[in-house]
Amino acid sequence: MSGANPIITAGLKSLTLDQVAETLACDRRTVQREIQRGNLKGFRVGSLVRVTRAEVERYIEARTMTKASVKV
């Protein structure tokens, strides 16, 4: 898998907010807002928030743009 994100392919089942942010190439606060808005589902482990790898993949798939959906 050339070009695959090493965090996603590392076999981790849950990711920290920082790992999700790195995967999505955004800021940690953006990940927190997306969880608060209900667009991304996270869960708590004690006081820490985690997101499953499957949820990150679902989030990406749901927001993948097709040629028809891109307005120029």
C-alpha atoms as a PDB file:
ATOM      1  CA  MET A   1       0.000   0.000   0.000  1.00  0.00           C
ATOM      2  CA  SER A   2       2.079   2.863  -1.196  1.00  0.00           C
ATOM      3  CA  GLY A   3       0.964   6.246   0.105  1.00  0.00           C
ATOM      4  CA  ALA A   4      -1.191   4.757   2.854  1.00  0.00           C
ATOM      5  CA  ASN A   5      -1.345   6.623   6.138  1.00  0.00           C
ATOM      6  CA  PRO A   6       0.914   4.765   8.621  1.00  0.00           C
ATOM      7  CA  ILE A   7      -1.456   5.469  11.517  1.00  0.00           C
ATOM      8  CA  ILE A   8      -4.424   3.876   9.755  1.00  0.00           C
ATOM      9  CA  THR A   9      -2.432   0.870   8.541  1.00  0.00           C
ATOM     10  CA  ALA A  10      -0.602   0.268  11.831  1.00  0.00           C
ATOM     11  CA  GLY A  11      -3.379  -2.009  13.073  1.00  0.00           C
ATOM     12  CA  LEU A  12      -4.510   0.326  15.848  1.00  0.00           C
ATOM     13  CA  LYS A  13      -8.195  -0.061  16.585  1.00  0.00           C
ATOM     14  CA  SER A  14      -8.599   3.306  18.283  1.00  0.00           C
ATOM     15  CA  LEU A  15      -6.858   6.602  17.680  1.00  0.00           C
ATOM     16  CA  THR A  16      -6.172   9.634  19.842  1.00  0.00           C
ATOM     17  CA  LEU A  17      -7.526  13.008  18.760  1.00  0.00           C
ATOM     18  CA  ASP A  18      -4.014  13.991  17.694  1.00  0.00           C
ATOM     19  CA  GLN A  19      -3.735  10.874  15.525  1.00  0.00           C
ATOM     20  CA  VAL A  20      -7.135  11.557  13.960  1.00  0.00           C
ATOM     21  CA  ALA A  21      -6.102  15.164  13.290  1.00  0.00           C
ATOM     22  CA  GLU A  22      -2.894  13.979  11.622  1.00  0.00           C
ATOM     23  CA  THR A  23      -4.816  11.477   9.521  1.00  0.00           C
ATOM     24  CA  LEU A  24      -7.314  14.116   8.399  1.00  0.00           C
ATOM     25  CA  ALA A  25      -4.621  16.809   8.000  1.00  0.00           C
ATOM     26  CA  CYS A  26      -6.463  19.190  10.295  1.00  0.00           C
ATOM     27  CA  ASP A  27      -6.156  20.654  13.771  1.00  0.00           C
ATOM     28  CA  ARG A  28      -7.050  18.721  16.922  1.00  0.00           C
ATOM     29  CA  ARG A  29      -9.719  21.373  17.666  1.00  0.00           C
ATOM     30  CA  THR A  30     -11.391  20.596  14.345  1.00  0.00           C
ATOM     31  CA  VAL A  31     -11.624  16.938  15.373  1.00  0.00           C
ATOM     32  CA  GLN A  32     -13.106  17.972  18.728  1.00  0.00           C
ATOM     33  CA  ARG A  33     -15.696  20.175  16.983  1.00  0.00           C
ATOM     34  CA  GLU A  34     -16.644  17.389  14.574  1.00  0.00           C
ATOM     35  CA  ILE A  35     -17.225  15.072  17.544  1.00  0.00           C
ATOM     36  CA  GLN A  36     -19.291  17.739  19.326  1.00  0.00           C
ATOM     37  CA  ARG A  37     -21.373  18.274  16.171  1.00  0.00           C
ATOM     38  CA  GLY A  38     -21.993  14.536  15.888  1.00  0.00           C
ATOM     39  CA  ASN A  39     -20.204  14.242  12.538  1.00  0.00           C
ATOM     40  CA  LEU A  40     -17.496  12.018  14.012  1.00  0.00           C
ATOM     41  CA  LYS A  41     -18.190   9.517  16.771  1.00  0.00           C
ATOM     42  CA  GLY A  42     -15.728   9.320  19.634  1.00  0.00           C
ATOM     43  CA  PHE A  43     -15.732   7.470  22.934  1.00  0.00           C
ATOM     44  CA  ARG A  44     -14.160   8.028  26.317  1.00  0.00           C
ATOM     45  CA  VAL A  45     -11.512   5.913  27.987  1.00  0.00           C
ATOM     46  CA  GLY A  46     -11.473   7.510  31.404  1.00  0.00           C
ATOM     47  CA  SER A  47     -10.930  11.193  30.677  1.00  0.00           C
ATOM     48  CA  LEU A  48      -9.403  10.555  27.234  1.00  0.00           C
ATOM     49  CA  VAL A  49     -11.323  10.629  23.957  1.00  0.00           C
ATOM     50  CA  ARG A  50     -10.646   8.022  21.285  1.00  0.00           C
ATOM     51  CA  VAL A  51     -12.037   7.403  17.796  1.00  0.00           C
ATOM     52  CA  THR A  52     -12.069   4.009  16.118  1.00  0.00           C
ATOM     53  CA  ARG A  53     -10.169   3.520  12.910  1.00  0.00           C
ATOM     54  CA  ALA A  54     -13.400   2.341  11.271  1.00  0.00           C
ATOM     55  CA  GLU A  55     -15.119   5.586  12.291  1.00  0.00           C
ATOM     56  CA  VAL A  56     -12.334   7.679  10.745  1.00  0.00           C
ATOM     57  CA  GLU A  57     -12.639   5.657   7.535  1.00  0.00           C
ATOM     58  CA  ARG A  58     -16.445   6.125   7.568  1.00  0.00           C
ATOM     59  CA  TYR A  59     -16.013   9.872   8.114  1.00  0.00           C
ATOM     60  CA  ILE A  60     -13.616  10.132   5.160  1.00  0.00           C
ATOM     61  CA  GLU A  61     -15.888   8.070   2.885  1.00  0.00           C
ATOM     62  CA  ALA A  62     -18.912  10.202   3.821  1.00  0.00           C
ATOM     63  CA  ARG A  63     -17.043  13.350   2.826  1.00  0.00           C
ATOM     64  CA  THR A  64     -15.301  12.090  -0.298  1.00  0.00           C
ATOM     65  CA  MET A  65     -16.180  14.386  -3.144  1.00  0.00           C
ATOM     66  CA  THR A  66     -17.010  13.163  -6.611  1.00  0.00           C
ATOM     67  CA  LYS A  67     -16.459  15.137  -9.761  1.00  0.00           C
ATOM     68  CA  ALA A  68     -20.197  15.872  -9.926  1.00  0.00           C
ATOM     69  CA  SER A  69     -20.249  17.278  -6.382  1.00  0.00           C
ATOM     70  CA  VAL A  70     -17.363  19.721  -6.893  1.00  0.00           C
ATOM     71  CA  LYS A  71     -18.517  23.202  -7.895  1.00  0.00           C
ATOM     72  CA  VAL A  72     -15.962  25.121  -9.886  1.00  0.00           C
END
